[in-house]
Each structure stands twice: as C-alpha cells, then as structure tokens.
PDB file of N, CA and C in Angstrom:
ATOM      1  N   UNK A   1     171.479 -24.057  -9.126  1.00  0.00           N
ATOM      2  CA  UNK A   1     170.969 -24.895 -10.356  1.00  0.00           C
ATOM      3  C   UNK A   1     171.881 -26.244 -10.082  1.00  0.00           C
ATOM      4  N   UNK A   2     170.770 -27.218  -9.803  1.00  0.00           N
ATOM      5  CA  UNK A   2     171.854 -28.937  -9.600  1.00  0.00           C
ATOM      6  C   UNK A   2     172.022 -29.367 -11.062  1.00  0.00           C
ATOM      7  N   UNK A   3     173.569 -29.572 -11.102  1.00  0.00           N
ATOM      8  CA  UNK A   3     173.919 -30.245 -12.032  1.00  0.00           C
ATOM      9  C   UNK A   3     174.501 -31.678 -11.822  1.00  0.00           C
ATOM     10  N   UNK A   4     175.158 -32.582 -12.670  1.00  0.00           N
ATOM     11  CA  UNK A   4     176.002 -33.456 -12.746  1.00  0.00           C
ATOM     12  C   UNK A   4     177.159 -33.339 -13.380  1.00  0.00           C
ATOM     13  N   UNK A   5     178.182 -33.688 -12.685  1.00  0.00           N
ATOM     14  CA  UNK A   5     179.688 -33.263 -13.706  1.00  0.00           C
ATOM     15  C   UNK A   5     180.330 -34.551 -14.071  1.00  0.00           C
ATOM     16  N   UNK A   6     180.438 -35.038 -15.206  1.00  0.00           N
ATOM     17  CA  UNK A   6     180.714 -36.266 -16.044  1.00  0.00           C
ATOM     18  C   UNK A   6     182.714 -35.793 -16.167  1.00  0.00           C
ATOM     19  N   UNK A   7     183.214 -37.225 -16.546  1.00  0.00           N
ATOM     20  CA  UNK A   7     184.909 -37.211 -17.164  1.00  0.00           C
ATOM     21  C   UNK A   7     184.878 -37.478 -18.161  1.00  0.00           C
ATOM     22  N   UNK A   8     185.838 -36.854 -18.419  1.00  0.00           N
ATOM     23  CA  UNK A   8     185.843 -37.160 -20.293  1.00  0.00           C
ATOM     24  C   UNK A   8     186.635 -39.000 -20.493  1.00  0.00           C
ATOM     25  N   UNK A   9     186.197 -40.047 -20.914  1.00  0.00           N
ATOM     26  CA  UNK A   9     187.362 -41.027 -21.149  1.00  0.00           C
ATOM     27  C   UNK A   9     188.376 -41.203 -22.130  1.00  0.00           C
ATOM     28  N   UNK A  10     188.376 -40.325 -22.933  1.00  0.00           N
ATOM     29  CA  UNK A  10     189.033 -39.823 -23.702  1.00  0.00           C
ATOM     30  C   UNK A  10     190.138 -38.387 -23.857  1.00  0.00           C
ATOM     31  N   UNK A  11     189.805 -37.579 -23.120  1.00  0.00           N
ATOM     32  CA  UNK A  11     190.188 -36.484 -22.390  1.00  0.00           C
ATOM     33  C   UNK A  11     190.758 -36.555 -21.011  1.00  0.00           C
ATOM     34  N   UNK A  12     191.771 -36.184 -20.971  1.00  0.00           N
ATOM     35  CA  UNK A  12     192.478 -36.308 -19.685  1.00  0.00           C
ATOM     36  C   UNK A  12     192.161 -34.719 -19.242  1.00  0.00           C
ATOM     37  N   UNK A  13     191.463 -34.821 -17.727  1.00  0.00           N
ATOM     38  CA  UNK A  13     190.959 -33.489 -17.042  1.00  0.00           C
ATOM     39  C   UNK A  13     190.121 -32.522 -17.654  1.00  0.00           C
ATOM     40  N   UNK A  14     188.932 -33.240 -18.724  1.00  0.00           N
ATOM     41  CA  UNK A  14     188.077 -32.429 -19.610  1.00  0.00           C
ATOM     42  C   UNK A  14     186.714 -32.885 -18.491  1.00  0.00           C
ATOM     43  N   UNK A  15     186.143 -32.131 -18.336  1.00  0.00           N
ATOM     44  CA  UNK A  15     184.853 -32.451 -17.950  1.00  0.00           C
ATOM     45  C   UNK A  15     183.453 -31.609 -18.249  1.00  0.00           C
ATOM     46  N   UNK A  16     182.384 -32.473 -18.244  1.00  0.00           N
ATOM     47  CA  UNK A  16     181.307 -31.988 -18.747  1.00  0.00           C
ATOM     48  C   UNK A  16     180.146 -31.829 -17.503  1.00  0.00           C
ATOM     49  N   UNK A  17     179.727 -30.446 -17.356  1.00  0.00           N
ATOM     50  CA  UNK A  17     178.687 -29.914 -16.193  1.00  0.00           C
ATOM     51  C   UNK A  17     177.488 -30.126 -17.174  1.00  0.00           C
ATOM     52  N   UNK A  18     176.572 -30.727 -16.722  1.00  0.00           N
ATOM     53  CA  UNK A  18     175.031 -31.367 -17.245  1.00  0.00           C
ATOM     54  C   UNK A  18     174.082 -30.807 -16.380  1.00  0.00           C
ATOM     55  N   UNK A  19     172.952 -29.829 -16.569  1.00  0.00           N
ATOM     56  CA  UNK A  19     172.179 -29.551 -15.846  1.00  0.00           C
ATOM     57  C   UNK A  19     171.195 -31.516 -15.434  1.00  0.00           C
ATOM     58  N   UNK A  20     170.489 -31.260 -14.322  1.00  0.00           N
ATOM     59  CA  UNK A  20     170.211 -32.555 -13.732  1.00  0.00           C
ATOM     60  C   UNK A  20     168.945 -33.278 -14.992  1.00  0.00           C
ATOM     61  N   UNK A  21     168.354 -32.327 -15.697  1.00  0.00           N
ATOM     62  CA  UNK A  21     167.299 -32.495 -16.549  1.00  0.00           C
ATOM     63  C   UNK A  21     167.319 -33.045 -17.476  1.00  0.00           C
ATOM     64  N   UNK A  22     168.470 -32.924 -18.510  1.00  0.00           N
ATOM     65  CA  UNK A  22     169.351 -33.085 -19.575  1.00  0.00           C
ATOM     66  C   UNK A  22     169.956 -34.501 -19.580  1.00  0.00           C
ATOM     67  N   UNK A  23     169.709 -34.817 -20.510  1.00  0.00           N
ATOM     68  CA  UNK A  23     170.957 -36.461 -20.891  1.00  0.00           C
ATOM     69  C   UNK A  23     172.227 -36.286 -21.662  1.00  0.00           C
ATOM     70  N   UNK A  24     172.729 -36.936 -21.428  1.00  0.00           N
ATOM     71  CA  UNK A  24     173.753 -37.026 -22.494  1.00  0.00           C
ATOM     72  C   UNK A  24     173.729 -37.547 -23.621  1.00  0.00           C
ATOM     73  N   UNK A  25     172.525 -37.932 -24.045  1.00  0.00           N
ATOM     74  CA  UNK A  25     172.048 -38.432 -25.478  1.00  0.00           C
ATOM     75  C   UNK A  25     171.831 -36.965 -26.116  1.00  0.00           C
ATOM     76  N   UNK A  26     170.886 -36.174 -25.184  1.00  0.00           N
ATOM     77  CA  UNK A  26     170.666 -35.074 -25.255  1.00  0.00           C
ATOM     78  C   UNK A  26     171.335 -33.842 -26.199  1.00  0.00           C
ATOM     79  N   UNK A  27     172.928 -33.680 -25.846  1.00  0.00           N
ATOM     80  CA  UNK A  27     173.985 -33.591 -26.689  1.00  0.00           C
ATOM     81  C   UNK A  27     174.082 -33.169 -27.614  1.00  0.00           C
ATOM     82  N   UNK A  28     174.815 -32.254 -28.391  1.00  0.00           N
ATOM     83  CA  UNK A  28     175.055 -32.468 -29.938  1.00  0.00           C
ATOM     84  C   UNK A  28     175.888 -33.911 -29.869  1.00  0.00           C
ATOM     85  N   UNK A  29     176.079 -34.507 -31.050  1.00  0.00           N
ATOM     86  CA  UNK A  29     176.507 -35.602 -31.300  1.00  0.00           C
ATOM     87  C   UNK A  29     178.054 -35.189 -31.626  1.00  0.00           C
ATOM     88  N   UNK A  30     178.123 -34.281 -32.220  1.00  0.00           N
ATOM     89  CA  UNK A  30     179.612 -34.134 -32.484  1.00  0.00           C
ATOM     90  C   UNK A  30     180.527 -34.075 -31.051  1.00  0.00           C
ATOM     91  N   UNK A  31     179.620 -33.050 -29.862  1.00  0.00           N
ATOM     92  CA  UNK A  31     180.072 -33.317 -28.654  1.00  0.00           C
ATOM     93  C   UNK A  31     180.414 -34.525 -27.785  1.00  0.00           C
ATOM     94  N   UNK A  32     179.553 -35.114 -27.946  1.00  0.00           N
ATOM     95  CA  UNK A  32     179.428 -36.749 -27.582  1.00  0.00           C
ATOM     96  C   UNK A  32     180.441 -37.567 -28.172  1.00  0.00           C
ATOM     97  N   UNK A  33     180.921 -37.458 -29.245  1.00  0.00           N
ATOM     98  CA  UNK A  33     181.505 -38.218 -30.136  1.00  0.00           C
ATOM     99  C   UNK A  33     183.095 -37.779 -29.156  1.00  0.00           C
ATOM    100  N   UNK A  34     183.785 -36.249 -29.118  1.00  0.00           N
ATOM    101  CA  UNK A  34     184.789 -35.657 -28.981  1.00  0.00           C
ATOM    102  C   UNK A  34     185.054 -36.065 -27.217  1.00  0.00           C
ATOM    103  N   UNK A  35     183.742 -36.340 -26.768  1.00  0.00           N
ATOM    104  CA  UNK A  35     183.898 -36.435 -25.247  1.00  0.00           C
ATOM    105  C   UNK A  35     184.223 -37.750 -24.768  1.00  0.00           C
ATOM    106  N   UNK A  36     183.299 -38.671 -25.823  1.00  0.00           N
ATOM    107  CA  UNK A  36     183.725 -40.120 -25.446  1.00  0.00           C
ATOM    108  C   UNK A  36     182.919 -40.797 -24.437  1.00  0.00           C
ATOM    109  N   UNK A  37     182.924 -41.586 -23.810  1.00  0.00           N
ATOM    110  CA  UNK A  37     181.897 -42.703 -22.387  1.00  0.00           C
ATOM    111  C   UNK A  37     182.035 -41.554 -21.189  1.00  0.00           C
ATOM    112  N   UNK A  38     180.867 -41.029 -20.855  1.00  0.00           N
ATOM    113  CA  UNK A  38     180.996 -40.053 -19.649  1.00  0.00           C
ATOM    114  C   UNK A  38     181.089 -40.570 -18.417  1.00  0.00           C
ATOM    115  N   UNK A  39     181.363 -40.713 -17.445  1.00  0.00           N
ATOM    116  CA  UNK A  39     181.819 -41.203 -16.331  1.00  0.00           C
ATOM    117  C   UNK A  39     181.638 -39.824 -15.436  1.00  0.00           C
ATOM    118  N   UNK A  40     180.251 -40.521 -14.376  1.00  0.00           N
ATOM    119  CA  UNK A  40     180.003 -39.904 -13.116  1.00  0.00           C
ATOM    120  C   UNK A  40     180.850 -39.163 -12.480  1.00  0.00           C
ATOM    121  N   UNK A  41     181.160 -38.456 -11.701  1.00  0.00           N
ATOM    122  CA  UNK A  41     182.270 -37.946 -10.987  1.00  0.00           C
ATOM    123  C   UNK A  41     181.276 -37.277 -10.076  1.00  0.00           C
ATOM    124  N   UNK A  42     180.260 -36.518  -9.569  1.00  0.00           N
ATOM    125  CA  UNK A  42     179.515 -36.059  -8.949  1.00  0.00           C
ATOM    126  C   UNK A  42     178.583 -34.719  -9.179  1.00  0.00           C
ATOM    127  N   UNK A  43     177.657 -35.083  -8.144  1.00  0.00           N
ATOM    128  CA  UNK A  43     176.726 -33.946  -8.316  1.00  0.00           C
ATOM    129  C   UNK A  43     176.677 -33.089  -7.670  1.00  0.00           C
ATOM    130  N   UNK A  44     176.157 -31.345  -7.893  1.00  0.00           N
ATOM    131  CA  UNK A  44     176.293 -30.496  -7.184  1.00  0.00           C
ATOM    132  C   UNK A  44     175.349 -29.121  -7.551  1.00  0.00           C
ATOM    133  N   UNK A  45     174.851 -28.963  -6.308  1.00  0.00           N
ATOM    134  CA  UNK A  45     173.788 -27.512  -6.550  1.00  0.00           C
ATOM    135  C   UNK A  45     174.571 -26.182  -6.533  1.00  0.00           C
ATOM    136  N   UNK A  46     174.987 -25.735  -7.938  1.00  0.00           N
ATOM    137  CA  UNK A  46     175.941 -24.743  -8.161  1.00  0.00           C
ATOM    138  C   UNK A  46     174.957 -23.374  -7.717  1.00  0.00           C
ATOM    139  N   UNK A  47     175.433 -22.137  -6.935  1.00  0.00           N
ATOM    140  CA  UNK A  47     174.899 -21.184  -6.682  1.00  0.00           C
ATOM    141  C   UNK A  47     176.061 -20.086  -7.358  1.00  0.00           C
ATOM    142  N   UNK A  48     175.765 -18.825  -7.370  1.00  0.00           N
ATOM    143  CA  UNK A  48     176.368 -17.865  -7.686  1.00  0.00           C
ATOM    144  C   UNK A  48     177.930 -17.389  -6.631  1.00  0.00           C
ATOM    145  N   UNK A  49     177.558 -18.210  -5.460  1.00  0.00           N
ATOM    146  CA  UNK A  49     178.555 -17.747  -4.459  1.00  0.00           C
ATOM    147  C   UNK A  49     179.270 -19.639  -4.487  1.00  0.00           C
ATOM    148  N   UNK A  50     179.335 -20.187  -5.220  1.00  0.00           N
ATOM    149  CA  UNK A  50     179.459 -21.592  -5.182  1.00  0.00           C
ATOM    150  C   UNK A  50     181.207 -21.568  -5.603  1.00  0.00           C
ATOM    151  N   UNK A  51     182.023 -22.401  -5.187  1.00  0.00           N
ATOM    152  CA  UNK A  51     183.496 -22.197  -5.576  1.00  0.00           C
ATOM    153  C   UNK A  51     184.015 -23.465  -6.299  1.00  0.00           C
ATOM    154  N   UNK A  52     184.605 -23.099  -7.429  1.00  0.00           N
ATOM    155  CA  UNK A  52     184.863 -24.706  -8.628  1.00  0.00           C
ATOM    156  C   UNK A  52     186.980 -24.350  -8.579  1.00  0.00           C
ATOM    157  N   UNK A  53     186.992 -25.251  -8.402  1.00  0.00           N
ATOM    158  CA  UNK A  53     189.176 -25.201  -8.765  1.00  0.00           C
ATOM    159  C   UNK A  53     189.449 -24.369 -10.008  1.00  0.00           C
ATOM    160  N   UNK A  54     189.037 -24.533 -10.965  1.00  0.00           N
ATOM    161  CA  UNK A  54     189.457 -23.901 -12.476  1.00  0.00           C
ATOM    162  C   UNK A  54     188.493 -23.507 -13.361  1.00  0.00           C
ATOM    163  N   UNK A  55     187.244 -23.064 -13.038  1.00  0.00           N
ATOM    164  CA  UNK A  55     186.573 -22.485 -13.883  1.00  0.00           C
ATOM    165  C   UNK A  55     185.614 -21.296 -12.969  1.00  0.00           C
ATOM    166  N   UNK A  56     185.343 -20.283 -13.588  1.00  0.00           N
ATOM    167  CA  UNK A  56     184.291 -19.039 -12.538  1.00  0.00           C
ATOM    168  C   UNK A  56     182.859 -19.934 -12.789  1.00  0.00           C
ATOM    169  N   UNK A  57     182.379 -19.870 -11.661  1.00  0.00           N
ATOM    170  CA  UNK A  57     180.650 -20.376 -11.230  1.00  0.00           C
ATOM    171  C   UNK A  57     179.838 -19.722 -11.804  1.00  0.00           C
ATOM    172  N   UNK A  58     180.364 -18.294 -11.879  1.00  0.00           N
ATOM    173  CA  UNK A  58     179.048 -17.695 -13.118  1.00  0.00           C
ATOM    174  C   UNK A  58     179.152 -18.062 -14.254  1.00  0.00           C
ATOM    175  N   UNK A  59     180.347 -18.179 -15.212  1.00  0.00           N
ATOM    176  CA  UNK A  59     180.434 -18.605 -16.297  1.00  0.00           C
ATOM    177  C   UNK A  59     179.498 -19.823 -16.784  1.00  0.00           C
ATOM    178  N   UNK A  60     179.854 -21.114 -15.695  1.00  0.00           N
ATOM    179  CA  UNK A  60     179.550 -22.373 -16.053  1.00  0.00           C
ATOM    180  C   UNK A  60     177.411 -22.350 -15.915  1.00  0.00           C
ATOM    181  N   UNK A  61     177.350 -21.379 -14.611  1.00  0.00           N
ATOM    182  CA  UNK A  61     175.614 -20.827 -14.620  1.00  0.00           C
ATOM    183  C   UNK A  61     174.949 -20.747 -15.688  1.00  0.00           C
ATOM    184  N   UNK A  62     175.873 -19.678 -16.091  1.00  0.00           N
ATOM    185  CA  UNK A  62     175.680 -18.925 -17.558  1.00  0.00           C
ATOM    186  C   UNK A  62     175.225 -20.350 -18.761  1.00  0.00           C
ATOM    187  N   UNK A  63     176.602 -20.875 -19.162  1.00  0.00           N
ATOM    188  CA  UNK A  63     176.053 -21.832 -19.378  1.00  0.00           C
ATOM    189  C   UNK A  63     174.810 -22.640 -19.789  1.00  0.00           C
ATOM    190  N   UNK A  64     174.611 -23.475 -18.472  1.00  0.00           N
ATOM    191  CA  UNK A  64     173.838 -24.131 -18.085  1.00  0.00           C
ATOM    192  C   UNK A  64     172.609 -23.784 -18.084  1.00  0.00           C
ATOM    193  N   UNK A  65     172.254 -22.083 -17.839  1.00  0.00           N
ATOM    194  CA  UNK A  65     170.805 -22.037 -17.745  1.00  0.00           C
ATOM    195  C   UNK A  65     170.590 -21.646 -19.607  1.00  0.00           C
ATOM    196  N   UNK A  66     171.980 -21.112 -20.432  1.00  0.00           N
ATOM    197  CA  UNK A  66     171.229 -20.807 -21.720  1.00  0.00           C
ATOM    198  C   UNK A  66     171.666 -22.402 -22.791  1.00  0.00           C
ATOM    199  N   UNK A  67     172.444 -23.677 -22.220  1.00  0.00           N
ATOM    200  CA  UNK A  67     172.610 -24.238 -23.127  1.00  0.00           C
ATOM    201  C   UNK A  67     172.590 -25.618 -22.668  1.00  0.00           C
ATOM    202  N   UNK A  68     172.504 -25.616 -21.220  1.00  0.00           N
ATOM    203  CA  UNK A  68     172.284 -26.588 -20.700  1.00  0.00           C
ATOM    204  C   UNK A  68     173.216 -27.770 -20.467  1.00  0.00           C
ATOM    205  N   UNK A  69     174.390 -27.048 -20.665  1.00  0.00           N
ATOM    206  CA  UNK A  69     176.144 -27.916 -20.494  1.00  0.00           C
ATOM    207  C   UNK A  69     177.180 -26.772 -20.259  1.00  0.00           C
ATOM    208  N   UNK A  70     178.166 -27.025 -19.753  1.00  0.00           N
ATOM    209  CA  UNK A  70     179.065 -26.581 -19.880  1.00  0.00           C
ATOM    210  C   UNK A  70     180.233 -27.668 -19.889  1.00  0.00           C
ATOM    211  N   UNK A  71     181.063 -27.257 -21.472  1.00  0.00           N
ATOM    212  CA  UNK A  71     182.320 -28.552 -21.376  1.00  0.00           C
ATOM    213  C   UNK A  71     184.028 -27.636 -20.747  1.00  0.00           C
ATOM    214  N   UNK A  72     184.026 -28.402 -19.653  1.00  0.00           N
ATOM    215  CA  UNK A  72     185.592 -27.748 -19.078  1.00  0.00           C
ATOM    216  C   UNK A  72     186.572 -28.306 -19.792  1.00  0.00           C
ATOM    217  N   UNK A  73     188.007 -27.559 -20.403  1.00  0.00           N
ATOM    218  CA  UNK A  73     188.729 -28.100 -21.178  1.00  0.00           C
ATOM    219  C   UNK A  73     190.227 -28.332 -20.109  1.00  0.00           C
ATOM    220  N   UNK A  74     190.968 -28.901 -20.258  1.00  0.00           N
ATOM    221  CA  UNK A  74     192.383 -28.991 -19.741  1.00  0.00           C
ATOM    222  C   UNK A  74     192.454 -27.914 -19.467  1.00  0.00           C
ATOM    223  N   UNK A  75     193.734 -27.592 -18.692  1.00  0.00           N
ATOM    224  CA  UNK A  75     194.339 -26.602 -18.325  1.00  0.00           C
ATOM    225  C   UNK A  75     195.354 -26.666 -19.588  1.00  0.00           C
ATOM    226  N   UNK A  76     195.811 -25.251 -19.622  1.00  0.00           N
ATOM    227  CA  UNK A  76     196.710 -25.208 -20.779  1.00  0.00           C
ATOM    228  C   UNK A  76     198.229 -25.390 -20.292  1.00  0.00           C
ATOM    229  N   UNK A  77     198.259 -24.821 -19.187  1.00  0.00           N
ATOM    230  CA  UNK A  77     199.765 -25.225 -18.109  1.00  0.00           C
ATOM    231  C   UNK A  77     199.337 -27.083 -17.703  1.00  0.00           C
ATOM    232  N   UNK A  78     200.303 -27.588 -17.535  1.00  0.00           N
ATOM    233  CA  UNK A  78     200.460 -28.701 -16.190  1.00  0.00           C
ATOM    234  C   UNK A  78     199.930 -28.845 -15.404  1.00  0.00           C
ATOM    235  N   UNK A  79     199.557 -29.355 -14.507  1.00  0.00           N
ATOM    236  CA  UNK A  79     198.670 -29.358 -13.336  1.00  0.00           C
ATOM    237  C   UNK A  79     200.075 -28.331 -12.158  1.00  0.00           C
ATOM    238  N   UNK A  80     201.601 -29.378 -12.802  1.00  0.00           N
ATOM    239  CA  UNK A  80     202.156 -29.157 -12.068  1.00  0.00           C
ATOM    240  C   UNK A  80     203.131 -27.302 -11.935  1.00  0.00           C
ATOM    241  N   UNK A  81     203.039 -27.198 -13.257  1.00  0.00           N
ATOM    242  CA  UNK A  81     202.874 -25.666 -13.549  1.00  0.00           C
ATOM    243  C   UNK A  81     202.030 -25.004 -12.627  1.00  0.00           C
ATOM    244  N   UNK A  82     201.119 -24.924 -13.287  1.00  0.00           N
ATOM    245  CA  UNK A  82     199.848 -24.396 -12.322  1.00  0.00           C
ATOM    246  C   UNK A  82     199.622 -23.802 -10.858  1.00  0.00           C
ATOM    247  N   UNK A  83     200.231 -25.234 -10.175  1.00  0.00           N
ATOM    248  CA  UNK A  83     200.524 -25.170  -9.054  1.00  0.00           C
ATOM    249  C   UNK A  83     201.519 -24.129  -8.315  1.00  0.00           C
ATOM    250  N   UNK A  84     202.964 -24.216  -9.025  1.00  0.00           N
ATOM    251  CA  UNK A  84     204.087 -23.602  -8.635  1.00  0.00           C
ATOM    252  C   UNK A  84     203.704 -22.045  -8.721  1.00  0.00           C
ATOM    253  N   UNK A  85     202.874 -21.922 -10.060  1.00  0.00           N
ATOM    254  CA  UNK A  85     202.645 -20.478 -10.195  1.00  0.00           C
ATOM    255  C   UNK A  85     201.877 -19.641  -9.093  1.00  0.00           C
ATOM    256  N   UNK A  86     200.750 -20.778  -8.250  1.00  0.00           N
ATOM    257  CA  UNK A  86     199.983 -20.108  -7.123  1.00  0.00           C
ATOM    258  C   UNK A  86     200.946 -19.852  -5.965  1.00  0.00           C
ATOM    259  N   UNK A  87     202.218 -20.939  -5.938  1.00  0.00           N
ATOM    260  CA  UNK A  87     202.780 -20.981  -5.039  1.00  0.00           C
ATOM    261  C   UNK A  87     204.348 -19.767  -4.964  1.00  0.00           C
ATOM    262  N   UNK A  88     204.046 -19.161  -6.128  1.00  0.00           N
ATOM    263  CA  UNK A  88     205.218 -18.169  -6.019  1.00  0.00           C
ATOM    264  C   UNK A  88     204.951 -16.604  -5.383  1.00  0.00           C
TER     265      UNK A  88
END
C-alpha cells in the first residue's frame, strides 16, 4: 500500500502515515489542528513484510485500510533510554 509519511511541526517525533489517495485536508479538523503543518518525510510502499522502526507494520496497514491514516505518537521513553534498553 502506497502511503506518504509526514512529520508534525508541533509535536516532536509525531508522524502521520496517509494513504496516497487522501489529502491532509481530508482528515478530521481536530487531528489537523493538533498535528500542525505537515512536513513530508517520505513516500513508502508498505507490505506486511515491511520493517518500520517504532511501529508494527500490520497495525499501520490495518489503520490505513480502515481509516486512510495512522498517527504515530512519540515513544514514552526518551530516544536514549529506548536505545539503551535494546543494548542491554
């Protein structure tokens, strides 16, 4: 499934996956307001075997199919703590 990934200008490490057929303006107003101005990061063709750094690709694909978008929120741990967790 082809999607575009946007970075939030309001929330550090928040990303929005949006199916290519949708525009940012098609999203609920509350989400657009909270997310802020979207900055395009990349375009991906996701499959069930794709690898994503912080989220389960199957969950993303399901949301894209059902809602047309997936909102990835920042991790609960700081990046440094997350990295050290995997290094232990």
